[in-house]
Protein backbone atom coordinates (compact mmCIF):
# COMPACT_ATOMS: atom_id res chain seq x y z
CA MET A 1 -204.90 -32.52 38.39
CA GLU A 2 -205.23 -29.17 37.54
CA TRP A 3 -205.51 -28.09 41.14
CA LYS A 4 -202.60 -30.26 41.96
CA ASN A 5 -200.53 -28.43 39.26
CA LYS A 6 -201.64 -24.75 40.69
CA TYR A 7 -201.26 -25.63 44.22
CA PRO A 8 -198.50 -28.35 44.73
CA ILE A 9 -199.43 -28.32 48.61
CA LEU A 10 -202.87 -29.51 47.86
CA LYS A 11 -201.34 -32.89 46.84
CA ASP A 12 -199.87 -33.51 50.72
CA ILE A 13 -203.50 -32.29 51.87
CA ILE A 14 -205.24 -35.05 50.04
CA ASP A 15 -202.97 -37.59 51.14
CA LEU A 16 -203.65 -36.16 54.63
CA LYS A 17 -200.03 -35.54 55.37
CA PRO A 18 -199.58 -32.85 57.84
CA VAL A 19 -198.92 -29.43 56.24
CA VAL A 20 -197.93 -25.80 56.96
CA TRP A 21 -199.08 -23.05 54.96
CA MET A 22 -197.97 -19.60 54.77
CA ASN A 23 -200.62 -16.86 53.62
CA PRO A 24 -199.61 -15.11 50.51
CA ASN A 25 -202.84 -12.84 51.01
CA LEU A 26 -201.63 -11.40 54.30
CA GLN A 27 -202.20 -7.68 54.45
CA ASN A 28 -200.72 -5.51 56.69
CA LYS A 29 -203.16 -3.48 59.43
CA GLY A 30 -203.61 -0.52 56.93
CA SER A 31 -205.66 -2.45 54.91
CA SER A 32 -208.34 -3.00 57.62
CA SER A 33 -210.85 -0.84 56.49
CA ILE A 34 -211.94 -3.06 53.70
CA PHE A 35 -213.53 -4.85 56.13
CA SER A 36 -217.21 -4.79 56.80
CA LEU A 37 -216.62 -4.93 60.72
CA THR A 38 -214.53 -2.13 62.61
CA ARG A 39 -212.83 -1.72 65.96
CA ASP A 40 -216.08 0.21 66.86
CA ASP A 41 -218.05 -2.62 66.63
CA MET A 42 -215.93 -4.94 68.38
CA ASP A 43 -216.36 -1.98 71.61
CA LYS A 44 -219.53 -2.09 71.04
CA ALA A 45 -220.16 -6.02 71.68
CA GLU A 46 -217.87 -5.32 74.86
CA LEU A 47 -220.43 -3.12 76.07
CA LEU A 48 -223.21 -5.44 75.53
CA TRP A 49 -221.66 -8.22 77.39
CA LYS A 50 -221.09 -5.64 80.39
CA ARG A 51 -224.88 -4.64 80.26
CA PHE A 52 -225.73 -8.47 80.67
CA ALA A 53 -223.11 -8.91 83.36
CA PRO A 54 -225.84 -8.73 86.10
CA PHE A 55 -228.12 -11.42 84.56
CA ILE A 56 -225.35 -13.45 84.20
CA VAL A 57 -224.06 -13.16 87.66
CA LYS A 58 -227.74 -14.00 88.85
CA GLU A 59 -228.16 -17.11 86.66
CA PHE A 60 -224.67 -18.40 87.17
CA PRO A 61 -223.68 -17.69 90.49
CA GLU A 62 -220.12 -19.05 89.61
CA THR A 63 -219.45 -15.87 87.71
CA LYS A 64 -219.97 -13.65 90.79
CA GLN A 65 -216.23 -13.38 91.41
CA SER A 66 -215.62 -11.98 88.04
CA LYS A 67 -218.83 -9.68 88.31
CA GLY A 68 -220.63 -11.66 85.48
CA ILE A 69 -217.94 -11.15 83.20
CA LEU A 70 -216.81 -14.59 81.03
CA GLU A 71 -213.17 -14.66 80.86
CA SER A 72 -210.43 -17.29 80.92
CA PRO A 73 -207.28 -17.59 82.63
CA LEU A 74 -203.56 -16.67 80.65
CA GLN A 75 -201.17 -19.36 82.30
CA ARG A 76 -197.43 -19.45 81.43
CA ILE A 77 -196.77 -23.31 80.58
CA SER A 78 -192.92 -23.33 80.83
CA HIS A 79 -192.88 -26.86 81.49
CA MET A 80 -194.51 -27.61 78.20
CA GLU A 81 -191.92 -25.35 76.45
CA ARG A 82 -189.32 -28.19 77.27
CA GLU A 83 -191.49 -30.62 75.93
CA ILE A 84 -192.14 -29.34 72.67
CA SER A 85 -188.52 -28.21 71.78
CA ASN A 86 -185.45 -28.11 73.53
CA SER A 87 -184.45 -24.79 71.53
CA PHE A 88 -187.70 -22.89 72.42
CA LYS A 89 -187.02 -19.21 72.13
CA GLY A 90 -189.50 -16.82 73.79
CA GLU A 91 -192.24 -17.43 76.22
CA PHE A 92 -195.07 -19.94 76.03
CA TYR A 93 -198.53 -19.25 77.59
CA LEU A 94 -201.95 -21.25 77.12
CA LYS A 95 -205.10 -19.32 77.02
CA CYS A 96 -207.39 -21.55 79.06
CA ASP A 97 -210.73 -21.20 77.02
CA ASN A 98 -211.32 -24.65 78.61
CA ASP A 99 -212.20 -23.13 81.55
CA LEU A 100 -214.74 -20.20 80.48
CA PRO A 101 -217.47 -20.02 82.52
CA ILE A 102 -221.09 -21.67 81.96
CA ALA A 103 -220.17 -23.72 78.90
CA GLY A 104 -216.32 -24.63 79.31
CA SER A 105 -215.24 -23.61 75.65
CA ILE A 106 -214.32 -21.04 73.37
CA LYS A 107 -217.81 -21.12 71.93
CA ALA A 108 -219.24 -19.52 74.87
CA ARG A 109 -217.76 -16.17 73.67
CA GLY A 110 -219.73 -16.49 70.30
CA GLY A 111 -222.48 -18.66 71.24
CA ILE A 112 -223.73 -16.79 74.17
CA TYR A 113 -222.99 -13.21 72.92
CA GLU A 114 -225.46 -13.89 69.92
CA VAL A 115 -227.98 -15.30 71.86
CA LEU A 116 -227.83 -12.05 74.46
CA GLN A 117 -227.92 -10.01 71.42
CA HIS A 118 -230.79 -11.47 70.14
CA ALA A 119 -232.59 -11.44 73.50
CA GLU A 120 -232.04 -7.47 74.08
CA SER A 121 -233.18 -6.96 70.58
CA LEU A 122 -236.56 -8.73 71.38
CA ALA A 123 -236.73 -6.83 74.27
CA PHE A 124 -236.31 -3.72 72.82
CA GLU A 125 -238.76 -4.20 69.97
CA ALA A 126 -241.75 -5.38 72.76
CA GLY A 127 -240.81 -2.16 74.98
CA LEU A 128 -239.58 -4.17 77.88
CA LEU A 129 -236.40 -2.48 77.75
CA THR A 130 -236.18 1.03 77.17
CA GLY A 131 -232.33 1.47 78.01
CA GLY A 132 -230.51 2.02 81.46
CA GLU A 133 -232.39 -0.83 83.14
CA ASN A 134 -230.14 -3.14 85.49
CA TYR A 135 -230.35 -6.52 83.09
CA GLU A 136 -230.99 -8.43 86.24
CA ILE A 137 -234.40 -7.99 85.35
CA LEU A 138 -234.25 -10.33 82.44
CA SER A 139 -234.32 -12.98 85.33
CA SER A 140 -237.85 -12.32 86.18
CA LYS A 141 -240.74 -14.34 85.33
CA LYS A 142 -242.13 -11.44 83.26
CA PHE A 143 -239.15 -11.83 81.03
CA LYS A 144 -238.66 -15.71 81.02
CA GLU A 145 -242.48 -15.86 79.84
CA PHE A 146 -242.07 -13.52 76.98
CA PHE A 147 -238.87 -15.50 75.76
CA SER A 148 -240.71 -18.62 75.80
CA GLN A 149 -242.86 -17.31 72.88
CA TYR A 150 -239.29 -17.69 70.83
CA SER A 151 -237.15 -20.26 69.77
CA ILE A 152 -233.46 -20.33 68.66
CA GLY A 153 -232.06 -23.29 66.63
CA VAL A 154 -228.25 -24.08 66.07
CA GLY A 155 -226.01 -26.64 63.94
CA SER A 156 -223.34 -28.23 66.20
CA THR A 157 -220.66 -30.62 66.51
CA GLY A 158 -221.18 -30.12 70.36
CA ASN A 159 -219.50 -26.96 71.96
CA LEU A 160 -221.27 -24.41 70.07
CA GLY A 161 -224.61 -26.27 71.01
CA LEU A 162 -223.74 -25.95 74.59
CA SER A 163 -223.37 -22.85 74.74
CA ILE A 164 -226.10 -21.81 72.65
CA GLY A 165 -228.59 -24.51 74.59
CA ILE A 166 -227.44 -23.44 78.27
CA ILE A 167 -227.73 -19.94 77.65
CA SER A 168 -231.00 -19.96 75.66
CA ALA A 169 -232.68 -22.10 78.14
CA LYS A 170 -231.78 -19.65 80.91
CA LEU A 171 -233.21 -16.83 79.29
CA GLY A 172 -236.44 -18.97 78.53
CA PHE A 173 -236.32 -19.59 74.87
CA ASN A 174 -237.11 -22.96 73.42
CA VAL A 175 -233.83 -24.13 71.89
CA PHE A 176 -233.22 -26.85 69.44
CA VAL A 177 -229.76 -27.99 68.76
CA TYR A 178 -229.00 -30.15 65.41
CA MET A 179 -226.03 -32.30 66.31
CA SER A 180 -223.73 -34.23 63.53
CA ALA A 181 -222.96 -37.73 64.08
CA ASP A 182 -219.29 -36.94 65.54
CA ALA A 183 -221.02 -34.86 68.21
CA LYS A 184 -219.70 -36.73 71.53
CA GLN A 185 -222.81 -38.42 73.35
CA TRP A 186 -222.14 -36.65 76.82
CA LYS A 187 -222.89 -33.29 75.24
CA LYS A 188 -226.32 -34.36 73.87
CA ASN A 189 -227.25 -35.72 77.28
CA LEU A 190 -225.85 -32.57 79.00
CA LEU A 191 -227.97 -30.14 76.54
CA ARG A 192 -230.88 -32.34 77.62
CA GLN A 193 -230.42 -32.04 81.06
CA LYS A 194 -230.31 -28.08 80.42
CA GLY A 195 -233.89 -28.04 78.78
CA ALA A 196 -232.62 -28.08 75.18
CA THR A 197 -234.11 -30.44 72.27
CA VAL A 198 -231.39 -32.27 70.50
CA HIS A 199 -231.70 -33.42 67.05
CA GLU A 200 -229.15 -36.05 65.90
CA PHE A 201 -227.84 -36.58 62.51
CA THR A 202 -226.05 -39.52 61.01
CA GLY A 203 -224.14 -36.88 58.48
CA ASP A 204 -221.70 -34.29 59.26
CA PHE A 205 -221.72 -30.63 60.62
CA SER A 206 -222.86 -29.56 56.92
CA GLU A 207 -226.04 -31.83 56.86
CA ALA A 208 -226.68 -30.94 60.70
CA ILE A 209 -226.34 -27.05 60.14
CA SER A 210 -228.34 -27.28 56.72
CA ALA A 211 -231.30 -29.08 58.35
CA GLY A 212 -231.25 -26.95 61.19
CA ARG A 213 -231.34 -23.43 59.16
CA GLN A 214 -234.18 -25.17 57.02
CA LYS A 215 -236.01 -25.93 59.79
CA THR A 216 -235.60 -22.78 62.08
CA ILE A 217 -236.51 -20.58 59.16
CA THR A 218 -240.39 -21.74 58.53
CA ASP A 219 -240.98 -20.55 62.17
CA PRO A 220 -241.38 -16.67 62.42
CA LYS A 221 -240.88 -16.86 66.32
CA ALA A 222 -237.42 -18.63 65.68
CA TYR A 223 -234.16 -17.52 65.29
CA PHE A 224 -230.97 -19.47 63.76
CA VAL A 225 -227.44 -19.12 64.94
CA ASP A 226 -225.75 -19.96 61.70
CA ASP A 227 -222.08 -20.82 62.31
CA GLU A 228 -221.32 -20.55 58.45
CA ASP A 229 -222.33 -16.99 58.30
CA SER A 230 -222.65 -14.94 61.40
CA LYS A 231 -221.72 -11.50 62.31
CA HIS A 232 -222.42 -11.72 65.84
CA LEU A 233 -220.78 -14.94 66.86
CA PHE A 234 -217.64 -13.07 65.13
CA LEU A 235 -218.30 -10.35 67.12
CA GLY A 236 -218.71 -12.31 70.04
CA TYR A 237 -215.21 -13.95 69.68
CA SER A 238 -213.65 -10.59 68.79
CA VAL A 239 -213.91 -9.17 72.22
CA ALA A 240 -211.42 -11.73 73.75
CA ALA A 241 -208.92 -9.76 71.92
CA LEU A 242 -209.68 -6.53 74.75
CA ARG A 243 -209.74 -9.09 77.54
CA LEU A 244 -206.08 -10.74 76.39
CA GLU A 245 -204.84 -7.48 75.93
CA LYS A 246 -205.55 -6.73 79.90
CA GLN A 247 -204.25 -9.74 81.08
CA LEU A 248 -200.99 -8.96 79.13
CA GLU A 249 -200.61 -5.29 80.65
CA GLU A 250 -201.10 -6.80 84.11
CA ARG A 251 -198.28 -9.30 83.36
CA ASN A 252 -195.98 -6.39 82.39
CA ILE A 253 -195.73 -7.83 78.87
CA LYS A 254 -195.27 -5.80 75.89
CA VAL A 255 -196.15 -6.15 72.20
CA ASN A 256 -194.35 -4.48 69.62
CA GLU A 257 -191.70 -5.11 66.87
CA LYS A 258 -189.18 -5.99 69.46
CA HIS A 259 -191.82 -8.35 71.37
CA PRO A 260 -194.09 -10.08 68.84
CA LEU A 261 -197.08 -11.87 69.71
CA PHE A 262 -197.68 -15.38 68.00
CA VAL A 263 -201.10 -16.98 68.59
CA TYR A 264 -202.06 -20.37 67.52
CA LEU A 265 -205.79 -21.16 67.35
CA PRO A 266 -207.86 -24.62 66.61
CA CYS A 267 -210.23 -23.81 63.95
CA GLY A 268 -213.35 -25.97 62.56
CA VAL A 269 -215.77 -23.64 60.47
CA GLY A 270 -213.48 -20.76 61.18
CA GLY A 271 -215.72 -18.19 63.26
CA ALA A 272 -214.08 -18.32 66.47
CA PRO A 273 -210.34 -18.28 65.40
CA GLY A 274 -211.18 -15.86 62.71
CA GLY A 275 -213.10 -13.53 65.17
CA ILE A 276 -210.44 -13.77 67.61
CA THR A 277 -207.58 -12.87 64.87
CA PHE A 278 -209.60 -10.04 64.06
CA GLY A 279 -209.81 -8.69 67.22
CA LEU A 280 -206.23 -9.18 67.81
CA LYS A 281 -205.20 -7.27 64.56
CA GLN A 282 -207.24 -4.23 65.67
CA VAL A 283 -205.57 -4.17 68.99
CA PHE A 284 -201.92 -5.23 67.93
CA GLY A 285 -201.79 -4.50 64.41
CA ASP A 286 -198.83 -6.13 62.51
CA HIS A 287 -196.98 -7.15 66.19
CA VAL A 288 -199.39 -10.02 66.28
CA HIS A 289 -198.74 -13.35 63.77
CA CYS A 290 -202.06 -15.98 64.01
CA PHE A 291 -202.03 -19.21 62.93
CA PHE A 292 -205.25 -21.34 62.32
CA VAL A 293 -204.62 -25.37 63.15
CA GLU A 294 -206.69 -27.64 61.47
CA PRO A 295 -207.00 -31.49 61.62
CA THR A 296 -205.50 -33.38 58.26
CA HIS A 297 -209.02 -35.04 58.08
CA SER A 298 -211.01 -31.75 57.94
CA PRO A 299 -208.55 -28.91 56.42
CA SER A 300 -211.84 -26.99 55.34
CA VAL A 301 -210.50 -23.38 55.78
CA LEU A 302 -207.19 -24.52 54.37
CA ILE A 303 -208.60 -25.73 51.20
CA GLY A 304 -210.95 -22.60 50.98
CA LEU A 305 -207.96 -19.89 51.21
CA LEU A 306 -205.75 -21.99 49.03
CA THR A 307 -207.90 -22.62 46.08
CA ARG A 308 -209.61 -19.03 46.43
CA LYS A 309 -213.03 -20.71 46.50
CA MET A 310 -213.76 -19.79 50.19
CA SER A 311 -216.73 -21.36 51.17
CA ASN A 312 -217.57 -22.57 47.83
CA VAL A 313 -215.46 -25.53 48.33
CA SER A 314 -215.63 -28.38 50.70
CA VAL A 315 -212.85 -31.14 51.85
CA GLN A 316 -215.21 -33.82 50.60
CA ASP A 317 -214.71 -32.38 46.92
CA PHE A 318 -210.91 -33.16 47.01
CA GLY A 319 -211.63 -37.04 48.55
CA ILE A 320 -211.11 -36.09 52.15
CA ASP A 321 -213.43 -37.76 54.43
CA ASN A 322 -213.70 -34.82 57.56
CA ARG A 323 -213.61 -37.62 59.96
CA THR A 324 -211.40 -36.97 63.03
CA GLU A 325 -211.74 -37.19 66.88
CA ALA A 326 -210.85 -33.60 66.99
CA ASP A 327 -214.47 -32.73 68.46
CA GLY A 328 -215.30 -29.23 66.97
CA LEU A 329 -212.94 -29.21 64.36
CA ALA A 330 -214.93 -31.96 62.09
CA VAL A 331 -215.88 -29.37 59.74
CA GLY A 332 -215.86 -30.08 56.00
CA ARG A 333 -217.07 -26.36 54.60
CA PRO A 334 -215.68 -23.29 55.91
CA SER A 335 -217.51 -20.19 57.32
CA SER A 336 -218.91 -17.90 54.49
CA PHE A 337 -218.61 -14.64 56.69
CA ALA A 338 -215.38 -15.44 58.75
CA THR A 339 -213.25 -16.99 56.06
CA VAL A 340 -213.30 -13.63 53.89
CA ILE A 341 -211.82 -11.84 56.59
CA SER A 342 -209.51 -14.21 57.93
CA ASP A 343 -208.17 -14.40 54.21
CA ARG A 344 -206.12 -11.09 54.65
CA LEU A 345 -205.53 -11.72 58.53
CA VAL A 346 -204.01 -15.07 59.08
CA SER A 347 -200.35 -15.70 58.70
CA GLY A 348 -200.99 -19.36 58.13
CA ILE A 349 -202.20 -22.59 58.87
CA TYR A 350 -200.94 -25.87 59.47
CA THR A 351 -202.75 -29.47 59.99
CA ILE A 352 -202.06 -32.01 62.35
CA GLU A 353 -202.94 -35.79 63.03
CA ASP A 354 -205.25 -36.98 65.65
CA ASN A 355 -202.89 -39.22 67.36
CA GLU A 356 -200.67 -36.14 67.62
CA LEU A 357 -203.62 -34.39 69.68
CA TYR A 358 -203.93 -37.25 71.88
CA LYS A 359 -200.06 -37.27 72.76
CA LEU A 360 -200.45 -33.61 73.43
CA VAL A 361 -203.19 -34.34 75.93
CA ALA A 362 -201.06 -36.50 78.10
CA LEU A 363 -197.78 -34.45 77.62
CA LEU A 364 -199.68 -31.15 78.91
CA ALA A 365 -201.25 -33.14 81.62
CA ASP A 366 -198.05 -34.71 83.01
CA SER A 367 -196.02 -31.45 82.72
CA GLU A 368 -198.68 -28.89 83.81
CA GLY A 369 -201.75 -30.47 85.44
CA ILE A 370 -203.99 -29.44 82.69
CA PHE A 371 -206.33 -31.43 81.25
CA LEU A 372 -207.98 -30.66 77.68
CA GLU A 373 -210.02 -32.25 75.17
CA PRO A 374 -207.89 -33.41 72.44
CA SER A 375 -208.96 -30.66 69.85
CA ALA A 376 -207.93 -28.09 72.27
CA THR A 377 -204.41 -29.25 72.38
CA ALA A 378 -203.96 -28.35 68.30
CA GLY A 379 -202.11 -25.09 69.07
CA LEU A 380 -199.53 -26.46 71.84
CA VAL A 381 -196.91 -27.36 68.79
CA GLY A 382 -197.30 -24.20 67.18
CA PRO A 383 -193.85 -22.59 67.95
CA GLN A 384 -192.09 -26.10 66.43
CA ARG A 385 -194.66 -25.74 63.00
CA ILE A 386 -193.97 -21.89 61.89
CA HIS A 387 -190.53 -21.73 62.12
CA ASP A 388 -190.19 -20.87 58.62
CA TYR A 389 -192.37 -17.85 59.07
CA ALA A 390 -190.08 -15.73 60.71
CA ASN A 391 -187.49 -16.00 57.86
CA GLU A 392 -190.05 -15.59 55.19
CA LYS A 393 -191.11 -12.22 56.88
CA LYS A 394 -187.74 -11.41 57.53
CA LEU A 395 -188.43 -11.17 61.33
CA ASP A 396 -185.61 -10.02 63.35
CA VAL A 397 -183.66 -13.26 64.93
CA GLN A 398 -183.35 -11.32 68.32
CA ASN A 399 -187.14 -10.12 68.50
CA VAL A 400 -188.36 -13.67 67.57
CA GLN A 401 -186.36 -14.74 70.37
CA ASN A 402 -188.35 -12.26 72.70
CA ALA A 403 -191.70 -13.63 71.42
CA ILE A 404 -194.73 -14.43 73.24
CA HIS A 405 -196.44 -17.84 71.88
CA ILE A 406 -199.89 -18.31 73.07
CA SER A 407 -201.82 -21.66 72.22
CA TRP A 408 -205.54 -20.96 72.58
CA ALA A 409 -207.09 -23.95 74.44
CA THR A 410 -210.62 -24.19 72.96
CA GLY A 411 -212.66 -26.67 75.14
CA GLY A 412 -212.22 -29.38 78.04
CA ALA A 413 -213.54 -28.14 81.60
CA LEU A 414 -216.97 -30.02 81.13
CA VAL A 415 -215.60 -33.34 79.73
CA PRO A 416 -216.72 -36.17 82.01
CA GLU A 417 -213.98 -37.53 84.06
CA GLU A 418 -214.26 -40.79 82.38
CA ASP A 419 -214.03 -39.62 79.09
CA MET A 420 -210.91 -37.62 80.03
CA LYS A 421 -209.14 -40.30 81.58
CA ASP A 422 -209.86 -42.01 78.27
CA PHE A 423 -208.21 -39.20 76.16
CA TYR A 424 -205.16 -39.10 78.43
CA GLU A 425 -204.75 -42.94 78.32
CA LYS A 426 -204.71 -43.18 74.82
CA GLY A 427 -202.16 -40.18 74.63
CA LYS A 428 -199.79 -42.12 76.96
CA SER A 429 -199.94 -45.39 74.75
CA LEU A 430 -198.94 -43.24 71.87
CA LEU A 431 -196.10 -41.63 73.40
């Protein structure tokens, strides 16, 4: 009762009602020096991606056209504008991370980056890399035999496991993925096909990641990719902001006081949306406004930020079951690393019901011919849900009408056709 008195919105959160929360702790760009990471860290991460590009082209020929750079299209979704609102102001885009090469989800940005970073570190320590080499040599038998001495572990609801499993196996690592009960069977099957060992748990994400962490740290030659506490995952995601900046420039889209940018990011443990928000704030400062989206049954980051308990509280502590069809967003406890940073940078969070996600799958497919997994549609109602924010921040009405809105699509490309058909048909039946 004390919590509900202190934070009235908590009653609706506990009752599983969709809510919109505006972050009272949002700080302006000038306060960013308080963080442990800087723009320089982000730029260094981008250089690592570039060093590995020849290896990525060699191992994943589908990236030849992009020269080994993993990036997704930015697509205008003007038909969807009319679907979500007759009074839509500004322009609406989809950041199609559902089409990211290799893993078909946003997790390719963080997961693949951290594994590459670890591989490079091991190779330098062993004297196999000295600097200046063409990283295509990492495809050689010599390097794969070297990496086969080492293991990588990760706990996952699905998409992070896919990205870690696929890239680790390609490099030659032994990879172990600890999957929560909500992880889709097809993702487990695909991981096994790619050479990963999959351990399944009957519990949720927290159980899977805890078990994976404990198992991995007992092996001195094993490395755990910790979705709850990883600087490297965070940096891998942050580079997306540099890529988005170039895509907007190519379209002659300006981001400034008169043309603000609103970005809506589906949120699970908070690492991916947190990293991208950090990057966007480094690039666009106070002219970008980022919102996280969580399922009503898994509002872990919202509860962490609202109560000021950060990662020291879970949704289960408030009687919320953490059961959702939003694959990848079924997380009961937020990231300890990312949440502290997001606390100062995210403009707000809104929650959404599973049935709304299915409806959005069908609406997007019918209006734009784009098929996403349900969790990836969460940002599509962002412009509708945050209308009070502009008034609260005293944003000029004319400027808001000139705004650019981006819904970040987080996964979908690798979903089996039959599963995608089921998502679509369920959405159509609910409309």
